[in-house]
Amino acid sequence: MSVRVRRIYDPPEPDDGVRVLVDRLWPRGVAKDAAHVDEWPKGLTPSTELRRWYHAGEGSYEEFAERYEAELTAPEAAELLDRVRDLAGEGDVTLLTASKSPEESHASVLLRLLGEA
């Protein structure tokens, strides 16, 4: 089992396993059939308010990660996180994001949480 983060703009690879889009909005310029997305759990993504707050540069990545983890305790988000955790238990999972800096995005928070399972 492995979970990794990749940008959705990178071409799919054979070892991606289940490809999970973890962005709330569909990425610009990516055709749905070319993306090869298997799951798109929108309820697992940061709230619009948190996303806007973070992208406006009003806080640090650490504070964003803390707030996002708190959002992930909501019932729907927790259930979706468990679903991705189950997928990871069955095989490889690739978390896809359009973020320019995946290492400082919600995808890295998810990666860390899934690694703690």
C-alpha atoms as a PDB file:
ATOM      1  CA  MET A   1       0.000   0.000   0.000  1.00  0.00           C
ATOM      2  CA  SER A   2       1.204   3.460  -0.817  1.00  0.00           C
ATOM      3  CA  VAL A   3      -0.396   6.860  -0.927  1.00  0.00           C
ATOM      4  CA  ARG A   4       1.181   9.691  -2.821  1.00  0.00           C
ATOM      5  CA  VAL A   5       0.318  13.154  -4.078  1.00  0.00           C
ATOM      6  CA  ARG A   6       0.636  14.212  -7.700  1.00  0.00           C
ATOM      7  CA  ARG A   7      -0.483  17.175  -9.727  1.00  0.00           C
ATOM      8  CA  ILE A   8      -3.493  16.457 -11.928  1.00  0.00           C
ATOM      9  CA  TYR A   9      -1.642  18.073 -14.825  1.00  0.00           C
ATOM     10  CA  ASP A  10       0.927  15.255 -14.819  1.00  0.00           C
ATOM     11  CA  PRO A  11       0.042  12.335 -17.101  1.00  0.00           C
ATOM     12  CA  PRO A  12      -1.343   9.217 -15.406  1.00  0.00           C
ATOM     13  CA  GLU A  13       1.179   6.505 -14.575  1.00  0.00           C
ATOM     14  CA  PRO A  14       0.596   2.745 -14.364  1.00  0.00           C
ATOM     15  CA  ASP A  15       1.467   2.651 -10.644  1.00  0.00           C
ATOM     16  CA  ASP A  16      -1.003   5.402  -9.666  1.00  0.00           C
ATOM     17  CA  GLY A  17      -3.546   2.886  -8.448  1.00  0.00           C
ATOM     18  CA  VAL A  18      -6.842   4.547  -7.551  1.00  0.00           C
ATOM     19  CA  ARG A  19      -6.717   8.195  -8.629  1.00  0.00           C
ATOM     20  CA  VAL A  20      -8.575  10.480  -6.225  1.00  0.00           C
ATOM     21  CA  LEU A  21      -9.122  14.152  -7.065  1.00  0.00           C
ATOM     22  CA  VAL A  22      -8.977  16.055  -3.772  1.00  0.00           C
ATOM     23  CA  ASP A  23      -9.865  19.514  -5.112  1.00  0.00           C
ATOM     24  CA  ARG A  24     -13.375  20.947  -4.796  1.00  0.00           C
ATOM     25  CA  LEU A  25     -13.268  22.540  -8.264  1.00  0.00           C
ATOM     26  CA  TRP A  26     -12.426  20.723 -11.470  1.00  0.00           C
ATOM     27  CA  PRO A  27      -8.962  21.879 -12.644  1.00  0.00           C
ATOM     28  CA  ARG A  28      -8.790  24.212 -15.593  1.00  0.00           C
ATOM     29  CA  GLY A  29      -7.617  22.824 -18.882  1.00  0.00           C
ATOM     30  CA  VAL A  30      -7.978  19.164 -17.919  1.00  0.00           C
ATOM     31  CA  ALA A  31     -10.402  17.028 -19.887  1.00  0.00           C
ATOM     32  CA  LYS A  32     -12.339  14.667 -17.641  1.00  0.00           C
ATOM     33  CA  ASP A  33     -11.647  11.636 -19.817  1.00  0.00           C
ATOM     34  CA  ALA A  34      -7.897  12.399 -19.951  1.00  0.00           C
ATOM     35  CA  ALA A  35      -7.616  12.839 -16.168  1.00  0.00           C
ATOM     36  CA  HIS A  36      -8.512   9.226 -15.377  1.00  0.00           C
ATOM     37  CA  VAL A  37     -10.031  10.198 -12.025  1.00  0.00           C
ATOM     38  CA  ASP A  38     -11.593   7.264 -10.166  1.00  0.00           C
ATOM     39  CA  GLU A  39     -13.003   9.161  -7.178  1.00  0.00           C
ATOM     40  CA  TRP A  40     -13.846  12.826  -6.544  1.00  0.00           C
ATOM     41  CA  PRO A  41     -14.940  13.239  -2.911  1.00  0.00           C
ATOM     42  CA  LYS A  42     -15.748  16.956  -2.871  1.00  0.00           C
ATOM     43  CA  GLY A  43     -16.808  16.766   0.780  1.00  0.00           C
ATOM     44  CA  LEU A  44     -13.230  15.882   1.714  1.00  0.00           C
ATOM     45  CA  THR A  45     -11.864  19.190   0.437  1.00  0.00           C
ATOM     46  CA  PRO A  46     -11.335  22.347   2.508  1.00  0.00           C
ATOM     47  CA  SER A  47     -14.343  24.621   2.849  1.00  0.00           C
ATOM     48  CA  THR A  48     -14.609  27.516   0.435  1.00  0.00           C
ATOM     49  CA  GLU A  49     -14.027  29.926   3.320  1.00  0.00           C
ATOM     50  CA  LEU A  50     -10.848  28.162   4.465  1.00  0.00           C
ATOM     51  CA  ARG A  51      -9.546  27.852   0.916  1.00  0.00           C
ATOM     52  CA  ARG A  52     -10.103  31.553   0.235  1.00  0.00           C
ATOM     53  CA  TRP A  53      -8.548  32.536   3.562  1.00  0.00           C
ATOM     54  CA  TYR A  54      -5.419  30.507   2.851  1.00  0.00           C
ATOM     55  CA  HIS A  55      -5.030  31.654  -0.763  1.00  0.00           C
ATOM     56  CA  ALA A  56      -5.418  35.271   0.317  1.00  0.00           C
ATOM     57  CA  GLY A  57      -2.215  34.836   2.331  1.00  0.00           C
ATOM     58  CA  GLU A  58      -3.865  35.648   5.634  1.00  0.00           C
ATOM     59  CA  GLY A  59      -2.286  32.788   7.561  1.00  0.00           C
ATOM     60  CA  SER A  60       0.521  30.280   7.638  1.00  0.00           C
ATOM     61  CA  TYR A  61       0.437  26.786   6.200  1.00  0.00           C
ATOM     62  CA  GLU A  62       0.596  25.405   9.731  1.00  0.00           C
ATOM     63  CA  GLU A  63      -2.545  27.304  10.738  1.00  0.00           C
ATOM     64  CA  PHE A  64      -4.280  26.242   7.525  1.00  0.00           C
ATOM     65  CA  ALA A  65      -3.404  22.593   8.192  1.00  0.00           C
ATOM     66  CA  GLU A  66      -4.727  22.865  11.740  1.00  0.00           C
ATOM     67  CA  ARG A  67      -8.017  24.404  10.585  1.00  0.00           C
ATOM     68  CA  TYR A  68      -8.376  21.856   7.799  1.00  0.00           C
ATOM     69  CA  GLU A  69      -7.814  18.954  10.182  1.00  0.00           C
ATOM     70  CA  ALA A  70     -10.599  20.378  12.349  1.00  0.00           C
ATOM     71  CA  GLU A  71     -12.902  20.453   9.296  1.00  0.00           C
ATOM     72  CA  LEU A  72     -12.072  16.814   8.615  1.00  0.00           C
ATOM     73  CA  THR A  73     -13.714  15.805  11.893  1.00  0.00           C
ATOM     74  CA  ALA A  74     -17.160  16.699  10.506  1.00  0.00           C
ATOM     75  CA  PRO A  75     -19.198  13.538   9.817  1.00  0.00           C
ATOM     76  CA  GLU A  76     -19.229  13.721   6.003  1.00  0.00           C
ATOM     77  CA  ALA A  77     -15.521  14.555   5.726  1.00  0.00           C
ATOM     78  CA  ALA A  78     -14.569  11.876   8.272  1.00  0.00           C
ATOM     79  CA  GLU A  79     -16.577   9.280   6.338  1.00  0.00           C
ATOM     80  CA  LEU A  80     -14.906  10.253   3.063  1.00  0.00           C
ATOM     81  CA  LEU A  81     -11.463  10.166   4.679  1.00  0.00           C
ATOM     82  CA  ASP A  82     -12.250   6.659   5.930  1.00  0.00           C
ATOM     83  CA  ARG A  83     -13.258   5.709   2.376  1.00  0.00           C
ATOM     84  CA  VAL A  84      -9.884   6.852   1.011  1.00  0.00           C
ATOM     85  CA  ARG A  85      -8.156   5.096   3.924  1.00  0.00           C
ATOM     86  CA  ASP A  86      -9.996   1.879   2.955  1.00  0.00           C
ATOM     87  CA  LEU A  87      -8.909   2.291  -0.669  1.00  0.00           C
ATOM     88  CA  ALA A  88      -5.310   2.717   0.512  1.00  0.00           C
ATOM     89  CA  GLY A  89      -5.650  -0.469   2.533  1.00  0.00           C
ATOM     90  CA  GLU A  90      -6.527  -2.320  -0.659  1.00  0.00           C
ATOM     91  CA  GLY A  91      -3.731  -0.915  -2.849  1.00  0.00           C
ATOM     92  CA  ASP A  92      -2.014   2.159  -4.190  1.00  0.00           C
ATOM     93  CA  VAL A  93      -3.780   5.526  -4.079  1.00  0.00           C
ATOM     94  CA  THR A  94      -2.763   8.759  -5.761  1.00  0.00           C
ATOM     95  CA  LEU A  95      -4.208  12.012  -4.422  1.00  0.00           C
ATOM     96  CA  LEU A  96      -4.544  14.475  -7.286  1.00  0.00           C
ATOM     97  CA  THR A  97      -4.492  18.234  -6.918  1.00  0.00           C
ATOM     98  CA  ALA A  98      -4.120  21.254  -9.164  1.00  0.00           C
ATOM     99  CA  SER A  99      -2.172  23.061  -6.448  1.00  0.00           C
ATOM    100  CA  LYS A 100       1.081  24.621  -7.634  1.00  0.00           C
ATOM    101  CA  SER A 101       2.682  23.636  -4.317  1.00  0.00           C
ATOM    102  CA  PRO A 102       1.232  20.268  -3.316  1.00  0.00           C
ATOM    103  CA  GLU A 103       3.630  20.061  -0.364  1.00  0.00           C
ATOM    104  CA  GLU A 104       1.923  23.107   1.189  1.00  0.00           C
ATOM    105  CA  SER A 105      -1.653  22.235   0.317  1.00  0.00           C
ATOM    106  CA  HIS A 106      -4.551  20.293   1.726  1.00  0.00           C
ATOM    107  CA  ALA A 107      -3.300  17.257  -0.211  1.00  0.00           C
ATOM    108  CA  SER A 108      -0.217  17.038   1.996  1.00  0.00           C
ATOM    109  CA  VAL A 109      -2.447  17.202   5.095  1.00  0.00           C
ATOM    110  CA  LEU A 110      -4.462  14.277   3.713  1.00  0.00           C
ATOM    111  CA  LEU A 111      -1.293  12.385   2.870  1.00  0.00           C
ATOM    112  CA  ARG A 112      -0.036  12.791   6.418  1.00  0.00           C
ATOM    113  CA  LEU A 113      -3.348  11.742   7.959  1.00  0.00           C
ATOM    114  CA  LEU A 114      -3.610   8.696   5.705  1.00  0.00           C
ATOM    115  CA  GLY A 115      -0.034   7.744   6.603  1.00  0.00           C
ATOM    116  CA  GLU A 116      -0.942   7.803  10.292  1.00  0.00           C
ATOM    117  CA  ALA A 117      -3.652   5.173   9.801  1.00  0.00           C
END
